[in-house]
Amino acid sequence: MPAIMTVVGDGGRVVVPAQYRKALGLKTGDHVMLALEEGEVRLFTPARAAERARALVRRYVPKNKNLTDELLAERHEEAGRG
């Protein structure tokens, strides 16, 4: 999607153009996240942040492992020792 120029308004407000909101599935009142990376601001949804986090974890965890199941098993084991 091409870059679009917008203006910083009162209080630092920036309007996200309609075509960007549509592409991101954003509606009035939705939460977004901002990240400052290499002098640029990135805007993304919390769902996208979660996708990126899962992808990062998956690099280090084999597909046949379920971290939730492992954590619950550890907790049950610890509770049994207490």
C-alpha atoms as a PDB file:
ATOM      1  CA  MET A   1       0.000   0.000   0.000  1.00  0.00           C
ATOM      2  CA  PRO A   2       1.460   3.376  -0.878  1.00  0.00           C
ATOM      3  CA  ALA A   3       2.522   5.896   1.739  1.00  0.00           C
ATOM      4  CA  ILE A   4      -0.041   8.609   2.463  1.00  0.00           C
ATOM      5  CA  MET A   5       0.709  12.006   3.932  1.00  0.00           C
ATOM      6  CA  THR A   6      -1.344  13.075   6.941  1.00  0.00           C
ATOM      7  CA  VAL A   7      -1.041  15.842   9.542  1.00  0.00           C
ATOM      8  CA  VAL A   8      -0.250  15.767  13.243  1.00  0.00           C
ATOM      9  CA  GLY A   9      -3.108  17.599  14.948  1.00  0.00           C
ATOM     10  CA  ASP A  10      -3.764  18.961  18.425  1.00  0.00           C
ATOM     11  CA  GLY A  11      -2.438  16.746  21.174  1.00  0.00           C
ATOM     12  CA  GLY A  12      -0.398  14.695  18.718  1.00  0.00           C
ATOM     13  CA  ARG A  13      -3.449  13.169  17.052  1.00  0.00           C
ATOM     14  CA  VAL A  14      -2.898  11.551  13.669  1.00  0.00           C
ATOM     15  CA  VAL A  15      -5.741  10.432  11.424  1.00  0.00           C
ATOM     16  CA  VAL A  16      -5.342   6.924  10.040  1.00  0.00           C
ATOM     17  CA  PRO A  17      -6.690   7.127   6.474  1.00  0.00           C
ATOM     18  CA  ALA A  18      -9.807   5.081   5.678  1.00  0.00           C
ATOM     19  CA  GLN A  19      -8.051   2.681   3.294  1.00  0.00           C
ATOM     20  CA  TYR A  20      -5.500   1.840   6.000  1.00  0.00           C
ATOM     21  CA  ARG A  21      -8.229   1.352   8.626  1.00  0.00           C
ATOM     22  CA  LYS A  22     -10.085  -0.926   6.236  1.00  0.00           C
ATOM     23  CA  ALA A  23      -6.952  -2.961   5.438  1.00  0.00           C
ATOM     24  CA  LEU A  24      -6.302  -3.419   9.173  1.00  0.00           C
ATOM     25  CA  GLY A  25      -9.949  -4.063  10.013  1.00  0.00           C
ATOM     26  CA  LEU A  26     -10.005  -1.112  12.429  1.00  0.00           C
ATOM     27  CA  LYS A  27     -13.190   0.442  13.735  1.00  0.00           C
ATOM     28  CA  THR A  28     -13.778   3.465  15.964  1.00  0.00           C
ATOM     29  CA  GLY A  29     -12.742   2.621  19.506  1.00  0.00           C
ATOM     30  CA  ASP A  30     -10.417  -0.244  18.563  1.00  0.00           C
ATOM     31  CA  HIS A  31      -7.053  -0.387  20.280  1.00  0.00           C
ATOM     32  CA  VAL A  32      -3.855  -0.209  18.260  1.00  0.00           C
ATOM     33  CA  MET A  33      -0.228  -0.558  19.196  1.00  0.00           C
ATOM     34  CA  LEU A  34       2.621   1.728  18.162  1.00  0.00           C
ATOM     35  CA  ALA A  35       6.287   0.833  17.976  1.00  0.00           C
ATOM     36  CA  LEU A  36       9.172   3.170  17.285  1.00  0.00           C
ATOM     37  CA  GLU A  37      11.675   1.252  15.149  1.00  0.00           C
ATOM     38  CA  GLU A  38      14.688   2.789  13.440  1.00  0.00           C
ATOM     39  CA  GLY A  39      13.160   6.271  13.449  1.00  0.00           C
ATOM     40  CA  GLU A  40       9.802   5.111  12.086  1.00  0.00           C
ATOM     41  CA  VAL A  41       6.460   4.578  13.797  1.00  0.00           C
ATOM     42  CA  ARG A  42       4.713   1.277  13.124  1.00  0.00           C
ATOM     43  CA  LEU A  43       1.013   0.907  13.874  1.00  0.00           C
ATOM     44  CA  PHE A  44      -0.463  -2.575  14.308  1.00  0.00           C
ATOM     45  CA  THR A  45      -3.317  -4.357  15.998  1.00  0.00           C
ATOM     46  CA  PRO A  46      -2.980  -6.356  19.225  1.00  0.00           C
ATOM     47  CA  ALA A  47      -4.017  -9.436  17.219  1.00  0.00           C
ATOM     48  CA  ARG A  48      -1.088  -8.879  14.842  1.00  0.00           C
ATOM     49  CA  ALA A  49       1.260  -8.461  17.807  1.00  0.00           C
ATOM     50  CA  ALA A  50       0.038 -11.808  19.182  1.00  0.00           C
ATOM     51  CA  GLU A  51       0.575 -13.467  15.777  1.00  0.00           C
ATOM     52  CA  ARG A  52       4.128 -12.160  15.655  1.00  0.00           C
ATOM     53  CA  ALA A  53       4.805 -13.370  19.213  1.00  0.00           C
ATOM     54  CA  ARG A  54       3.468 -16.848  18.419  1.00  0.00           C
ATOM     55  CA  ALA A  55       5.625 -17.000  15.281  1.00  0.00           C
ATOM     56  CA  LEU A  56       8.674 -16.019  17.307  1.00  0.00           C
ATOM     57  CA  VAL A  57       8.015 -18.720  19.918  1.00  0.00           C
ATOM     58  CA  ARG A  58       7.392 -21.321  17.218  1.00  0.00           C
ATOM     59  CA  ARG A  59      10.930 -20.792  15.928  1.00  0.00           C
ATOM     60  CA  TYR A  60      12.209 -22.327  19.160  1.00  0.00           C
ATOM     61  CA  VAL A  61       9.494 -24.856  20.003  1.00  0.00           C
ATOM     62  CA  PRO A  62       8.879 -27.967  17.912  1.00  0.00           C
ATOM     63  CA  LYS A  63       5.397 -28.200  16.356  1.00  0.00           C
ATOM     64  CA  ASN A  64       4.598 -31.393  18.262  1.00  0.00           C
ATOM     65  CA  LYS A  65       5.025 -29.596  21.623  1.00  0.00           C
ATOM     66  CA  ASN A  66       2.186 -27.785  23.347  1.00  0.00           C
ATOM     67  CA  LEU A  67       3.586 -25.272  25.824  1.00  0.00           C
ATOM     68  CA  THR A  68       0.236 -24.829  27.567  1.00  0.00           C
ATOM     69  CA  ASP A  69      -0.051 -28.557  28.233  1.00  0.00           C
ATOM     70  CA  GLU A  70       3.537 -28.668  29.498  1.00  0.00           C
ATOM     71  CA  LEU A  71       2.961 -25.722  31.831  1.00  0.00           C
ATOM     72  CA  LEU A  72      -0.227 -27.255  33.243  1.00  0.00           C
ATOM     73  CA  ALA A  73       1.519 -30.589  33.788  1.00  0.00           C
ATOM     74  CA  GLU A  74       4.350 -28.831  35.640  1.00  0.00           C
ATOM     75  CA  ARG A  75       1.853 -26.940  37.814  1.00  0.00           C
ATOM     76  CA  HIS A  76      -0.018 -30.144  38.688  1.00  0.00           C
ATOM     77  CA  GLU A  77       3.244 -31.866  39.516  1.00  0.00           C
ATOM     78  CA  GLU A  78       4.298 -28.967  41.759  1.00  0.00           C
ATOM     79  CA  ALA A  79       0.899 -28.913  43.480  1.00  0.00           C
ATOM     80  CA  GLY A  80       1.208 -32.650  44.158  1.00  0.00           C
ATOM     81  CA  ARG A  81       4.546 -32.092  45.902  1.00  0.00           C
ATOM     82  CA  GLY A  82       3.166 -29.329  48.151  1.00  0.00           C
END
